[in-house]
PDBML (XML) file of the C-alpha atoms, coordinates in Angstrom:
<?xml version="1.0" encoding="UTF-8" ?>
<PDBx:datablock datablockName="MODEL"
   xmlns:PDBx="http://pdbml.pdb.org/schema/pdbx-v50.xsd"
   xmlns:xsi="http://www.w3.org/2001/XMLSchema-instance"
   xsi:schemaLocation="http://pdbml.pdb.org/schema/pdbx-v50.xsd pdbx-v50.xsd">
   <PDBx:atom_siteCategory>
      <PDBx:atom_site id="1">
         <PDBx:B_iso_or_equiv>0.00</PDBx:B_iso_or_equiv>
         <PDBx:Cartn_x>18.753</PDBx:Cartn_x>
         <PDBx:Cartn_y>4.459</PDBx:Cartn_y>
         <PDBx:Cartn_z>2.476</PDBx:Cartn_z>
         <PDBx:auth_asym_id>A</PDBx:auth_asym_id>
         <PDBx:auth_atom_id>CA</PDBx:auth_atom_id>
         <PDBx:auth_comp_id>GLY</PDBx:auth_comp_id>
         <PDBx:auth_seq_id>1</PDBx:auth_seq_id>
         <PDBx:group_PDB>ATOM</PDBx:group_PDB>
         <PDBx:label_alt_id xsi:nil="true" />
         <PDBx:label_asym_id>A</PDBx:label_asym_id>
         <PDBx:label_atom_id>CA</PDBx:label_atom_id>
         <PDBx:label_comp_id>GLY</PDBx:label_comp_id>
         <PDBx:label_entity_id>1</PDBx:label_entity_id>
         <PDBx:label_seq_id>1</PDBx:label_seq_id>
         <PDBx:occupancy>1.00</PDBx:occupancy>
         <PDBx:pdbx_PDB_model_num>1</PDBx:pdbx_PDB_model_num>
         <PDBx:type_symbol>C</PDBx:type_symbol>
      </PDBx:atom_site>
      <PDBx:atom_site id="2">
         <PDBx:B_iso_or_equiv>0.00</PDBx:B_iso_or_equiv>
         <PDBx:Cartn_x>19.486</PDBx:Cartn_x>
         <PDBx:Cartn_y>1.732</PDBx:Cartn_y>
         <PDBx:Cartn_z>-0.012</PDBx:Cartn_z>
         <PDBx:auth_asym_id>A</PDBx:auth_asym_id>
         <PDBx:auth_atom_id>CA</PDBx:auth_atom_id>
         <PDBx:auth_comp_id>TRP</PDBx:auth_comp_id>
         <PDBx:auth_seq_id>2</PDBx:auth_seq_id>
         <PDBx:group_PDB>ATOM</PDBx:group_PDB>
         <PDBx:label_alt_id xsi:nil="true" />
         <PDBx:label_asym_id>A</PDBx:label_asym_id>
         <PDBx:label_atom_id>CA</PDBx:label_atom_id>
         <PDBx:label_comp_id>TRP</PDBx:label_comp_id>
         <PDBx:label_entity_id>1</PDBx:label_entity_id>
         <PDBx:label_seq_id>2</PDBx:label_seq_id>
         <PDBx:occupancy>1.00</PDBx:occupancy>
         <PDBx:pdbx_PDB_model_num>1</PDBx:pdbx_PDB_model_num>
         <PDBx:type_symbol>C</PDBx:type_symbol>
      </PDBx:atom_site>
      <PDBx:atom_site id="3">
         <PDBx:B_iso_or_equiv>0.00</PDBx:B_iso_or_equiv>
         <PDBx:Cartn_x>17.258</PDBx:Cartn_x>
         <PDBx:Cartn_y>3.699</PDBx:Cartn_y>
         <PDBx:Cartn_z>-2.714</PDBx:Cartn_z>
         <PDBx:auth_asym_id>A</PDBx:auth_asym_id>
         <PDBx:auth_atom_id>CA</PDBx:auth_atom_id>
         <PDBx:auth_comp_id>VAL</PDBx:auth_comp_id>
         <PDBx:auth_seq_id>3</PDBx:auth_seq_id>
         <PDBx:group_PDB>ATOM</PDBx:group_PDB>
         <PDBx:label_alt_id xsi:nil="true" />
         <PDBx:label_asym_id>A</PDBx:label_asym_id>
         <PDBx:label_atom_id>CA</PDBx:label_atom_id>
         <PDBx:label_comp_id>VAL</PDBx:label_comp_id>
         <PDBx:label_entity_id>1</PDBx:label_entity_id>
         <PDBx:label_seq_id>3</PDBx:label_seq_id>
         <PDBx:occupancy>1.00</PDBx:occupancy>
         <PDBx:pdbx_PDB_model_num>1</PDBx:pdbx_PDB_model_num>
         <PDBx:type_symbol>C</PDBx:type_symbol>
      </PDBx:atom_site>
      <PDBx:atom_site id="4">
         <PDBx:B_iso_or_equiv>0.00</PDBx:B_iso_or_equiv>
         <PDBx:Cartn_x>18.654</PDBx:Cartn_x>
         <PDBx:Cartn_y>7.248</PDBx:Cartn_y>
         <PDBx:Cartn_z>-2.014</PDBx:Cartn_z>
         <PDBx:auth_asym_id>A</PDBx:auth_asym_id>
         <PDBx:auth_atom_id>CA</PDBx:auth_atom_id>
         <PDBx:auth_comp_id>ALA</PDBx:auth_comp_id>
         <PDBx:auth_seq_id>4</PDBx:auth_seq_id>
         <PDBx:group_PDB>ATOM</PDBx:group_PDB>
         <PDBx:label_alt_id xsi:nil="true" />
         <PDBx:label_asym_id>A</PDBx:label_asym_id>
         <PDBx:label_atom_id>CA</PDBx:label_atom_id>
         <PDBx:label_comp_id>ALA</PDBx:label_comp_id>
         <PDBx:label_entity_id>1</PDBx:label_entity_id>
         <PDBx:label_seq_id>4</PDBx:label_seq_id>
         <PDBx:occupancy>1.00</PDBx:occupancy>
         <PDBx:pdbx_PDB_model_num>1</PDBx:pdbx_PDB_model_num>
         <PDBx:type_symbol>C</PDBx:type_symbol>
      </PDBx:atom_site>
      <PDBx:atom_site id="5">
         <PDBx:B_iso_or_equiv>0.00</PDBx:B_iso_or_equiv>
         <PDBx:Cartn_x>22.347</PDBx:Cartn_x>
         <PDBx:Cartn_y>5.856</PDBx:Cartn_y>
         <PDBx:Cartn_z>-2.213</PDBx:Cartn_z>
         <PDBx:auth_asym_id>A</PDBx:auth_asym_id>
         <PDBx:auth_atom_id>CA</PDBx:auth_atom_id>
         <PDBx:auth_comp_id>MET</PDBx:auth_comp_id>
         <PDBx:auth_seq_id>5</PDBx:auth_seq_id>
         <PDBx:group_PDB>ATOM</PDBx:group_PDB>
         <PDBx:label_alt_id xsi:nil="true" />
         <PDBx:label_asym_id>A</PDBx:label_asym_id>
         <PDBx:label_atom_id>CA</PDBx:label_atom_id>
         <PDBx:label_comp_id>MET</PDBx:label_comp_id>
         <PDBx:label_entity_id>1</PDBx:label_entity_id>
         <PDBx:label_seq_id>5</PDBx:label_seq_id>
         <PDBx:occupancy>1.00</PDBx:occupancy>
         <PDBx:pdbx_PDB_model_num>1</PDBx:pdbx_PDB_model_num>
         <PDBx:type_symbol>C</PDBx:type_symbol>
      </PDBx:atom_site>
      <PDBx:atom_site id="6">
         <PDBx:B_iso_or_equiv>0.00</PDBx:B_iso_or_equiv>
         <PDBx:Cartn_x>21.688</PDBx:Cartn_x>
         <PDBx:Cartn_y>4.310</PDBx:Cartn_y>
         <PDBx:Cartn_z>-5.769</PDBx:Cartn_z>
         <PDBx:auth_asym_id>A</PDBx:auth_asym_id>
         <PDBx:auth_atom_id>CA</PDBx:auth_atom_id>
         <PDBx:auth_comp_id>SER</PDBx:auth_comp_id>
         <PDBx:auth_seq_id>6</PDBx:auth_seq_id>
         <PDBx:group_PDB>ATOM</PDBx:group_PDB>
         <PDBx:label_alt_id xsi:nil="true" />
         <PDBx:label_asym_id>A</PDBx:label_asym_id>
         <PDBx:label_atom_id>CA</PDBx:label_atom_id>
         <PDBx:label_comp_id>SER</PDBx:label_comp_id>
         <PDBx:label_entity_id>1</PDBx:label_entity_id>
         <PDBx:label_seq_id>6</PDBx:label_seq_id>
         <PDBx:occupancy>1.00</PDBx:occupancy>
         <PDBx:pdbx_PDB_model_num>1</PDBx:pdbx_PDB_model_num>
         <PDBx:type_symbol>C</PDBx:type_symbol>
      </PDBx:atom_site>
      <PDBx:atom_site id="7">
         <PDBx:B_iso_or_equiv>0.00</PDBx:B_iso_or_equiv>
         <PDBx:Cartn_x>19.889</PDBx:Cartn_x>
         <PDBx:Cartn_y>7.020</PDBx:Cartn_y>
         <PDBx:Cartn_z>-7.288</PDBx:Cartn_z>
         <PDBx:auth_asym_id>A</PDBx:auth_asym_id>
         <PDBx:auth_atom_id>CA</PDBx:auth_atom_id>
         <PDBx:auth_comp_id>THR</PDBx:auth_comp_id>
         <PDBx:auth_seq_id>7</PDBx:auth_seq_id>
         <PDBx:group_PDB>ATOM</PDBx:group_PDB>
         <PDBx:label_alt_id xsi:nil="true" />
         <PDBx:label_asym_id>A</PDBx:label_asym_id>
         <PDBx:label_atom_id>CA</PDBx:label_atom_id>
         <PDBx:label_comp_id>THR</PDBx:label_comp_id>
         <PDBx:label_entity_id>1</PDBx:label_entity_id>
         <PDBx:label_seq_id>7</PDBx:label_seq_id>
         <PDBx:occupancy>1.00</PDBx:occupancy>
         <PDBx:pdbx_PDB_model_num>1</PDBx:pdbx_PDB_model_num>
         <PDBx:type_symbol>C</PDBx:type_symbol>
      </PDBx:atom_site>
      <PDBx:atom_site id="8">
         <PDBx:B_iso_or_equiv>0.00</PDBx:B_iso_or_equiv>
         <PDBx:Cartn_x>20.115</PDBx:Cartn_x>
         <PDBx:Cartn_y>10.304</PDBx:Cartn_y>
         <PDBx:Cartn_z>-8.110</PDBx:Cartn_z>
         <PDBx:auth_asym_id>A</PDBx:auth_asym_id>
         <PDBx:auth_atom_id>CA</PDBx:auth_atom_id>
         <PDBx:auth_comp_id>SER</PDBx:auth_comp_id>
         <PDBx:auth_seq_id>8</PDBx:auth_seq_id>
         <PDBx:group_PDB>ATOM</PDBx:group_PDB>
         <PDBx:label_alt_id xsi:nil="true" />
         <PDBx:label_asym_id>A</PDBx:label_asym_id>
         <PDBx:label_atom_id>CA</PDBx:label_atom_id>
         <PDBx:label_comp_id>SER</PDBx:label_comp_id>
         <PDBx:label_entity_id>1</PDBx:label_entity_id>
         <PDBx:label_seq_id>8</PDBx:label_seq_id>
         <PDBx:occupancy>1.00</PDBx:occupancy>
         <PDBx:pdbx_PDB_model_num>1</PDBx:pdbx_PDB_model_num>
         <PDBx:type_symbol>C</PDBx:type_symbol>
      </PDBx:atom_site>
      <PDBx:atom_site id="9">
         <PDBx:B_iso_or_equiv>0.00</PDBx:B_iso_or_equiv>
         <PDBx:Cartn_x>18.201</PDBx:Cartn_x>
         <PDBx:Cartn_y>13.467</PDBx:Cartn_y>
         <PDBx:Cartn_z>-8.903</PDBx:Cartn_z>
         <PDBx:auth_asym_id>A</PDBx:auth_asym_id>
         <PDBx:auth_atom_id>CA</PDBx:auth_atom_id>
         <PDBx:auth_comp_id>GLY</PDBx:auth_comp_id>
         <PDBx:auth_seq_id>9</PDBx:auth_seq_id>
         <PDBx:group_PDB>ATOM</PDBx:group_PDB>
         <PDBx:label_alt_id xsi:nil="true" />
         <PDBx:label_asym_id>A</PDBx:label_asym_id>
         <PDBx:label_atom_id>CA</PDBx:label_atom_id>
         <PDBx:label_comp_id>GLY</PDBx:label_comp_id>
         <PDBx:label_entity_id>1</PDBx:label_entity_id>
         <PDBx:label_seq_id>9</PDBx:label_seq_id>
         <PDBx:occupancy>1.00</PDBx:occupancy>
         <PDBx:pdbx_PDB_model_num>1</PDBx:pdbx_PDB_model_num>
         <PDBx:type_symbol>C</PDBx:type_symbol>
      </PDBx:atom_site>
      <PDBx:atom_site id="10">
         <PDBx:B_iso_or_equiv>0.00</PDBx:B_iso_or_equiv>
         <PDBx:Cartn_x>14.383</PDBx:Cartn_x>
         <PDBx:Cartn_y>13.861</PDBx:Cartn_y>
         <PDBx:Cartn_z>-7.655</PDBx:Cartn_z>
         <PDBx:auth_asym_id>A</PDBx:auth_asym_id>
         <PDBx:auth_atom_id>CA</PDBx:auth_atom_id>
         <PDBx:auth_comp_id>ASP</PDBx:auth_comp_id>
         <PDBx:auth_seq_id>10</PDBx:auth_seq_id>
         <PDBx:group_PDB>ATOM</PDBx:group_PDB>
         <PDBx:label_alt_id xsi:nil="true" />
         <PDBx:label_asym_id>A</PDBx:label_asym_id>
         <PDBx:label_atom_id>CA</PDBx:label_atom_id>
         <PDBx:label_comp_id>ASP</PDBx:label_comp_id>
         <PDBx:label_entity_id>1</PDBx:label_entity_id>
         <PDBx:label_seq_id>10</PDBx:label_seq_id>
         <PDBx:occupancy>1.00</PDBx:occupancy>
         <PDBx:pdbx_PDB_model_num>1</PDBx:pdbx_PDB_model_num>
         <PDBx:type_symbol>C</PDBx:type_symbol>
      </PDBx:atom_site>
      <PDBx:atom_site id="11">
         <PDBx:B_iso_or_equiv>0.00</PDBx:B_iso_or_equiv>
         <PDBx:Cartn_x>14.119</PDBx:Cartn_x>
         <PDBx:Cartn_y>10.167</PDBx:Cartn_y>
         <PDBx:Cartn_z>-6.699</PDBx:Cartn_z>
         <PDBx:auth_asym_id>A</PDBx:auth_asym_id>
         <PDBx:auth_atom_id>CA</PDBx:auth_atom_id>
         <PDBx:auth_comp_id>GLU</PDBx:auth_comp_id>
         <PDBx:auth_seq_id>11</PDBx:auth_seq_id>
         <PDBx:group_PDB>ATOM</PDBx:group_PDB>
         <PDBx:label_alt_id xsi:nil="true" />
         <PDBx:label_asym_id>A</PDBx:label_asym_id>
         <PDBx:label_atom_id>CA</PDBx:label_atom_id>
         <PDBx:label_comp_id>GLU</PDBx:label_comp_id>
         <PDBx:label_entity_id>1</PDBx:label_entity_id>
         <PDBx:label_seq_id>11</PDBx:label_seq_id>
         <PDBx:occupancy>1.00</PDBx:occupancy>
         <PDBx:pdbx_PDB_model_num>1</PDBx:pdbx_PDB_model_num>
         <PDBx:type_symbol>C</PDBx:type_symbol>
      </PDBx:atom_site>
      <PDBx:atom_site id="12">
         <PDBx:B_iso_or_equiv>0.00</PDBx:B_iso_or_equiv>
         <PDBx:Cartn_x>17.335</PDBx:Cartn_x>
         <PDBx:Cartn_y>10.739</PDBx:Cartn_y>
         <PDBx:Cartn_z>-4.291</PDBx:Cartn_z>
         <PDBx:auth_asym_id>A</PDBx:auth_asym_id>
         <PDBx:auth_atom_id>CA</PDBx:auth_atom_id>
         <PDBx:auth_comp_id>GLN</PDBx:auth_comp_id>
         <PDBx:auth_seq_id>12</PDBx:auth_seq_id>
         <PDBx:group_PDB>ATOM</PDBx:group_PDB>
         <PDBx:label_alt_id xsi:nil="true" />
         <PDBx:label_asym_id>A</PDBx:label_asym_id>
         <PDBx:label_atom_id>CA</PDBx:label_atom_id>
         <PDBx:label_comp_id>GLN</PDBx:label_comp_id>
         <PDBx:label_entity_id>1</PDBx:label_entity_id>
         <PDBx:label_seq_id>12</PDBx:label_seq_id>
         <PDBx:occupancy>1.00</PDBx:occupancy>
         <PDBx:pdbx_PDB_model_num>1</PDBx:pdbx_PDB_model_num>
         <PDBx:type_symbol>C</PDBx:type_symbol>
      </PDBx:atom_site>
      <PDBx:atom_site id="13">
         <PDBx:B_iso_or_equiv>0.00</PDBx:B_iso_or_equiv>
         <PDBx:Cartn_x>15.538</PDBx:Cartn_x>
         <PDBx:Cartn_y>13.455</PDBx:Cartn_y>
         <PDBx:Cartn_z>-2.824</PDBx:Cartn_z>
         <PDBx:auth_asym_id>A</PDBx:auth_asym_id>
         <PDBx:auth_atom_id>CA</PDBx:auth_atom_id>
         <PDBx:auth_comp_id>GLU</PDBx:auth_comp_id>
         <PDBx:auth_seq_id>13</PDBx:auth_seq_id>
         <PDBx:group_PDB>ATOM</PDBx:group_PDB>
         <PDBx:label_alt_id xsi:nil="true" />
         <PDBx:label_asym_id>A</PDBx:label_asym_id>
         <PDBx:label_atom_id>CA</PDBx:label_atom_id>
         <PDBx:label_comp_id>GLU</PDBx:label_comp_id>
         <PDBx:label_entity_id>1</PDBx:label_entity_id>
         <PDBx:label_seq_id>13</PDBx:label_seq_id>
         <PDBx:occupancy>1.00</PDBx:occupancy>
         <PDBx:pdbx_PDB_model_num>1</PDBx:pdbx_PDB_model_num>
         <PDBx:type_symbol>C</PDBx:type_symbol>
      </PDBx:atom_site>
      <PDBx:atom_site id="14">
         <PDBx:B_iso_or_equiv>0.00</PDBx:B_iso_or_equiv>
         <PDBx:Cartn_x>12.440</PDBx:Cartn_x>
         <PDBx:Cartn_y>11.814</PDBx:Cartn_y>
         <PDBx:Cartn_z>-2.143</PDBx:Cartn_z>
         <PDBx:auth_asym_id>A</PDBx:auth_asym_id>
         <PDBx:auth_atom_id>CA</PDBx:auth_atom_id>
         <PDBx:auth_comp_id>GLU</PDBx:auth_comp_id>
         <PDBx:auth_seq_id>14</PDBx:auth_seq_id>
         <PDBx:group_PDB>ATOM</PDBx:group_PDB>
         <PDBx:label_alt_id xsi:nil="true" />
         <PDBx:label_asym_id>A</PDBx:label_asym_id>
         <PDBx:label_atom_id>CA</PDBx:label_atom_id>
         <PDBx:label_comp_id>GLU</PDBx:label_comp_id>
         <PDBx:label_entity_id>1</PDBx:label_entity_id>
         <PDBx:label_seq_id>14</PDBx:label_seq_id>
         <PDBx:occupancy>1.00</PDBx:occupancy>
         <PDBx:pdbx_PDB_model_num>1</PDBx:pdbx_PDB_model_num>
         <PDBx:type_symbol>C</PDBx:type_symbol>
      </PDBx:atom_site>
      <PDBx:atom_site id="15">
         <PDBx:B_iso_or_equiv>0.00</PDBx:B_iso_or_equiv>
         <PDBx:Cartn_x>14.004</PDBx:Cartn_x>
         <PDBx:Cartn_y>8.608</PDBx:Cartn_y>
         <PDBx:Cartn_z>-0.702</PDBx:Cartn_z>
         <PDBx:auth_asym_id>A</PDBx:auth_asym_id>
         <PDBx:auth_atom_id>CA</PDBx:auth_atom_id>
         <PDBx:auth_comp_id>ALA</PDBx:auth_comp_id>
         <PDBx:auth_seq_id>15</PDBx:auth_seq_id>
         <PDBx:group_PDB>ATOM</PDBx:group_PDB>
         <PDBx:label_alt_id xsi:nil="true" />
         <PDBx:label_asym_id>A</PDBx:label_asym_id>
         <PDBx:label_atom_id>CA</PDBx:label_atom_id>
         <PDBx:label_comp_id>ALA</PDBx:label_comp_id>
         <PDBx:label_entity_id>1</PDBx:label_entity_id>
         <PDBx:label_seq_id>15</PDBx:label_seq_id>
         <PDBx:occupancy>1.00</PDBx:occupancy>
         <PDBx:pdbx_PDB_model_num>1</PDBx:pdbx_PDB_model_num>
         <PDBx:type_symbol>C</PDBx:type_symbol>
      </PDBx:atom_site>
      <PDBx:atom_site id="16">
         <PDBx:B_iso_or_equiv>0.00</PDBx:B_iso_or_equiv>
         <PDBx:Cartn_x>16.174</PDBx:Cartn_x>
         <PDBx:Cartn_y>11.303</PDBx:Cartn_y>
         <PDBx:Cartn_z>1.525</PDBx:Cartn_z>
         <PDBx:auth_asym_id>A</PDBx:auth_asym_id>
         <PDBx:auth_atom_id>CA</PDBx:auth_atom_id>
         <PDBx:auth_comp_id>MET</PDBx:auth_comp_id>
         <PDBx:auth_seq_id>16</PDBx:auth_seq_id>
         <PDBx:group_PDB>ATOM</PDBx:group_PDB>
         <PDBx:label_alt_id xsi:nil="true" />
         <PDBx:label_asym_id>A</PDBx:label_asym_id>
         <PDBx:label_atom_id>CA</PDBx:label_atom_id>
         <PDBx:label_comp_id>MET</PDBx:label_comp_id>
         <PDBx:label_entity_id>1</PDBx:label_entity_id>
         <PDBx:label_seq_id>16</PDBx:label_seq_id>
         <PDBx:occupancy>1.00</PDBx:occupancy>
         <PDBx:pdbx_PDB_model_num>1</PDBx:pdbx_PDB_model_num>
         <PDBx:type_symbol>C</PDBx:type_symbol>
      </PDBx:atom_site>
      <PDBx:atom_site id="17">
         <PDBx:B_iso_or_equiv>0.00</PDBx:B_iso_or_equiv>
         <PDBx:Cartn_x>13.297</PDBx:Cartn_x>
         <PDBx:Cartn_y>12.818</PDBx:Cartn_y>
         <PDBx:Cartn_z>2.747</PDBx:Cartn_z>
         <PDBx:auth_asym_id>A</PDBx:auth_asym_id>
         <PDBx:auth_atom_id>CA</PDBx:auth_atom_id>
         <PDBx:auth_comp_id>LYS</PDBx:auth_comp_id>
         <PDBx:auth_seq_id>17</PDBx:auth_seq_id>
         <PDBx:group_PDB>ATOM</PDBx:group_PDB>
         <PDBx:label_alt_id xsi:nil="true" />
         <PDBx:label_asym_id>A</PDBx:label_asym_id>
         <PDBx:label_atom_id>CA</PDBx:label_atom_id>
         <PDBx:label_comp_id>LYS</PDBx:label_comp_id>
         <PDBx:label_entity_id>1</PDBx:label_entity_id>
         <PDBx:label_seq_id>17</PDBx:label_seq_id>
         <PDBx:occupancy>1.00</PDBx:occupancy>
         <PDBx:pdbx_PDB_model_num>1</PDBx:pdbx_PDB_model_num>
         <PDBx:type_symbol>C</PDBx:type_symbol>
      </PDBx:atom_site>
      <PDBx:atom_site id="18">
         <PDBx:B_iso_or_equiv>0.00</PDBx:B_iso_or_equiv>
         <PDBx:Cartn_x>12.032</PDBx:Cartn_x>
         <PDBx:Cartn_y>9.242</PDBx:Cartn_y>
         <PDBx:Cartn_z>3.871</PDBx:Cartn_z>
         <PDBx:auth_asym_id>A</PDBx:auth_asym_id>
         <PDBx:auth_atom_id>CA</PDBx:auth_atom_id>
         <PDBx:auth_comp_id>GLU</PDBx:auth_comp_id>
         <PDBx:auth_seq_id>18</PDBx:auth_seq_id>
         <PDBx:group_PDB>ATOM</PDBx:group_PDB>
         <PDBx:label_alt_id xsi:nil="true" />
         <PDBx:label_asym_id>A</PDBx:label_asym_id>
         <PDBx:label_atom_id>CA</PDBx:label_atom_id>
         <PDBx:label_comp_id>GLU</PDBx:label_comp_id>
         <PDBx:label_entity_id>1</PDBx:label_entity_id>
         <PDBx:label_seq_id>18</PDBx:label_seq_id>
         <PDBx:occupancy>1.00</PDBx:occupancy>
         <PDBx:pdbx_PDB_model_num>1</PDBx:pdbx_PDB_model_num>
         <PDBx:type_symbol>C</PDBx:type_symbol>
      </PDBx:atom_site>
      <PDBx:atom_site id="19">
         <PDBx:B_iso_or_equiv>0.00</PDBx:B_iso_or_equiv>
         <PDBx:Cartn_x>14.943</PDBx:Cartn_x>
         <PDBx:Cartn_y>8.460</PDBx:Cartn_y>
         <PDBx:Cartn_z>5.255</PDBx:Cartn_z>
         <PDBx:auth_asym_id>A</PDBx:auth_asym_id>
         <PDBx:auth_atom_id>CA</PDBx:auth_atom_id>
         <PDBx:auth_comp_id>ALA</PDBx:auth_comp_id>
         <PDBx:auth_seq_id>19</PDBx:auth_seq_id>
         <PDBx:group_PDB>ATOM</PDBx:group_PDB>
         <PDBx:label_alt_id xsi:nil="true" />
         <PDBx:label_asym_id>A</PDBx:label_asym_id>
         <PDBx:label_atom_id>CA</PDBx:label_atom_id>
         <PDBx:label_comp_id>ALA</PDBx:label_comp_id>
         <PDBx:label_entity_id>1</PDBx:label_entity_id>
         <PDBx:label_seq_id>19</PDBx:label_seq_id>
         <PDBx:occupancy>1.00</PDBx:occupancy>
         <PDBx:pdbx_PDB_model_num>1</PDBx:pdbx_PDB_model_num>
         <PDBx:type_symbol>C</PDBx:type_symbol>
      </PDBx:atom_site>
      <PDBx:atom_site id="20">
         <PDBx:B_iso_or_equiv>0.00</PDBx:B_iso_or_equiv>
         <PDBx:Cartn_x>15.163</PDBx:Cartn_x>
         <PDBx:Cartn_y>11.354</PDBx:Cartn_y>
         <PDBx:Cartn_z>7.598</PDBx:Cartn_z>
         <PDBx:auth_asym_id>A</PDBx:auth_asym_id>
         <PDBx:auth_atom_id>CA</PDBx:auth_atom_id>
         <PDBx:auth_comp_id>LYS</PDBx:auth_comp_id>
         <PDBx:auth_seq_id>20</PDBx:auth_seq_id>
         <PDBx:group_PDB>ATOM</PDBx:group_PDB>
         <PDBx:label_alt_id xsi:nil="true" />
         <PDBx:label_asym_id>A</PDBx:label_asym_id>
         <PDBx:label_atom_id>CA</PDBx:label_atom_id>
         <PDBx:label_comp_id>LYS</PDBx:label_comp_id>
         <PDBx:label_entity_id>1</PDBx:label_entity_id>
         <PDBx:label_seq_id>20</PDBx:label_seq_id>
         <PDBx:occupancy>1.00</PDBx:occupancy>
         <PDBx:pdbx_PDB_model_num>1</PDBx:pdbx_PDB_model_num>
         <PDBx:type_symbol>C</PDBx:type_symbol>
      </PDBx:atom_site>
      <PDBx:atom_site id="21">
         <PDBx:B_iso_or_equiv>0.00</PDBx:B_iso_or_equiv>
         <PDBx:Cartn_x>11.809</PDBx:Cartn_x>
         <PDBx:Cartn_y>11.271</PDBx:Cartn_y>
         <PDBx:Cartn_z>8.463</PDBx:Cartn_z>
         <PDBx:auth_asym_id>A</PDBx:auth_asym_id>
         <PDBx:auth_atom_id>CA</PDBx:auth_atom_id>
         <PDBx:auth_comp_id>GLU</PDBx:auth_comp_id>
         <PDBx:auth_seq_id>21</PDBx:auth_seq_id>
         <PDBx:group_PDB>ATOM</PDBx:group_PDB>
         <PDBx:label_alt_id xsi:nil="true" />
         <PDBx:label_asym_id>A</PDBx:label_asym_id>
         <PDBx:label_atom_id>CA</PDBx:label_atom_id>
         <PDBx:label_comp_id>GLU</PDBx:label_comp_id>
         <PDBx:label_entity_id>1</PDBx:label_entity_id>
         <PDBx:label_seq_id>21</PDBx:label_seq_id>
         <PDBx:occupancy>1.00</PDBx:occupancy>
         <PDBx:pdbx_PDB_model_num>1</PDBx:pdbx_PDB_model_num>
         <PDBx:type_symbol>C</PDBx:type_symbol>
      </PDBx:atom_site>
      <PDBx:atom_site id="22">
         <PDBx:B_iso_or_equiv>0.00</PDBx:B_iso_or_equiv>
         <PDBx:Cartn_x>12.650</PDBx:Cartn_x>
         <PDBx:Cartn_y>7.871</PDBx:Cartn_y>
         <PDBx:Cartn_z>9.992</PDBx:Cartn_z>
         <PDBx:auth_asym_id>A</PDBx:auth_asym_id>
         <PDBx:auth_atom_id>CA</PDBx:auth_atom_id>
         <PDBx:auth_comp_id>MET</PDBx:auth_comp_id>
         <PDBx:auth_seq_id>22</PDBx:auth_seq_id>
         <PDBx:group_PDB>ATOM</PDBx:group_PDB>
         <PDBx:label_alt_id xsi:nil="true" />
         <PDBx:label_asym_id>A</PDBx:label_asym_id>
         <PDBx:label_atom_id>CA</PDBx:label_atom_id>
         <PDBx:label_comp_id>MET</PDBx:label_comp_id>
         <PDBx:label_entity_id>1</PDBx:label_entity_id>
         <PDBx:label_seq_id>22</PDBx:label_seq_id>
         <PDBx:occupancy>1.00</PDBx:occupancy>
         <PDBx:pdbx_PDB_model_num>1</PDBx:pdbx_PDB_model_num>
         <PDBx:type_symbol>C</PDBx:type_symbol>
      </PDBx:atom_site>
      <PDBx:atom_site id="23">
         <PDBx:B_iso_or_equiv>0.00</PDBx:B_iso_or_equiv>
         <PDBx:Cartn_x>15.385</PDBx:Cartn_x>
         <PDBx:Cartn_y>9.162</PDBx:Cartn_y>
         <PDBx:Cartn_z>11.178</PDBx:Cartn_z>
         <PDBx:auth_asym_id>A</PDBx:auth_asym_id>
         <PDBx:auth_atom_id>CA</PDBx:auth_atom_id>
         <PDBx:auth_comp_id>MET</PDBx:auth_comp_id>
         <PDBx:auth_seq_id>23</PDBx:auth_seq_id>
         <PDBx:group_PDB>ATOM</PDBx:group_PDB>
         <PDBx:label_alt_id xsi:nil="true" />
         <PDBx:label_asym_id>A</PDBx:label_asym_id>
         <PDBx:label_atom_id>CA</PDBx:label_atom_id>
         <PDBx:label_comp_id>MET</PDBx:label_comp_id>
         <PDBx:label_entity_id>1</PDBx:label_entity_id>
         <PDBx:label_seq_id>23</PDBx:label_seq_id>
         <PDBx:occupancy>1.00</PDBx:occupancy>
         <PDBx:pdbx_PDB_model_num>1</PDBx:pdbx_PDB_model_num>
         <PDBx:type_symbol>C</PDBx:type_symbol>
      </PDBx:atom_site>
      <PDBx:atom_site id="24">
         <PDBx:B_iso_or_equiv>0.00</PDBx:B_iso_or_equiv>
         <PDBx:Cartn_x>13.687</PDBx:Cartn_x>
         <PDBx:Cartn_y>11.997</PDBx:Cartn_y>
         <PDBx:Cartn_z>13.220</PDBx:Cartn_z>
         <PDBx:auth_asym_id>A</PDBx:auth_asym_id>
         <PDBx:auth_atom_id>CA</PDBx:auth_atom_id>
         <PDBx:auth_comp_id>GLU</PDBx:auth_comp_id>
         <PDBx:auth_seq_id>24</PDBx:auth_seq_id>
         <PDBx:group_PDB>ATOM</PDBx:group_PDB>
         <PDBx:label_alt_id xsi:nil="true" />
         <PDBx:label_asym_id>A</PDBx:label_asym_id>
         <PDBx:label_atom_id>CA</PDBx:label_atom_id>
         <PDBx:label_comp_id>GLU</PDBx:label_comp_id>
         <PDBx:label_entity_id>1</PDBx:label_entity_id>
         <PDBx:label_seq_id>24</PDBx:label_seq_id>
         <PDBx:occupancy>1.00</PDBx:occupancy>
         <PDBx:pdbx_PDB_model_num>1</PDBx:pdbx_PDB_model_num>
         <PDBx:type_symbol>C</PDBx:type_symbol>
      </PDBx:atom_site>
   </PDBx:atom_siteCategory>
</PDBx:datablock>
């Protein structure tokens, strides 16, 4: 979540994917 907040582009997408997997 921290990385997704503080980045953009591919880096943000990858971090959001990880965050959503944990949310599931």
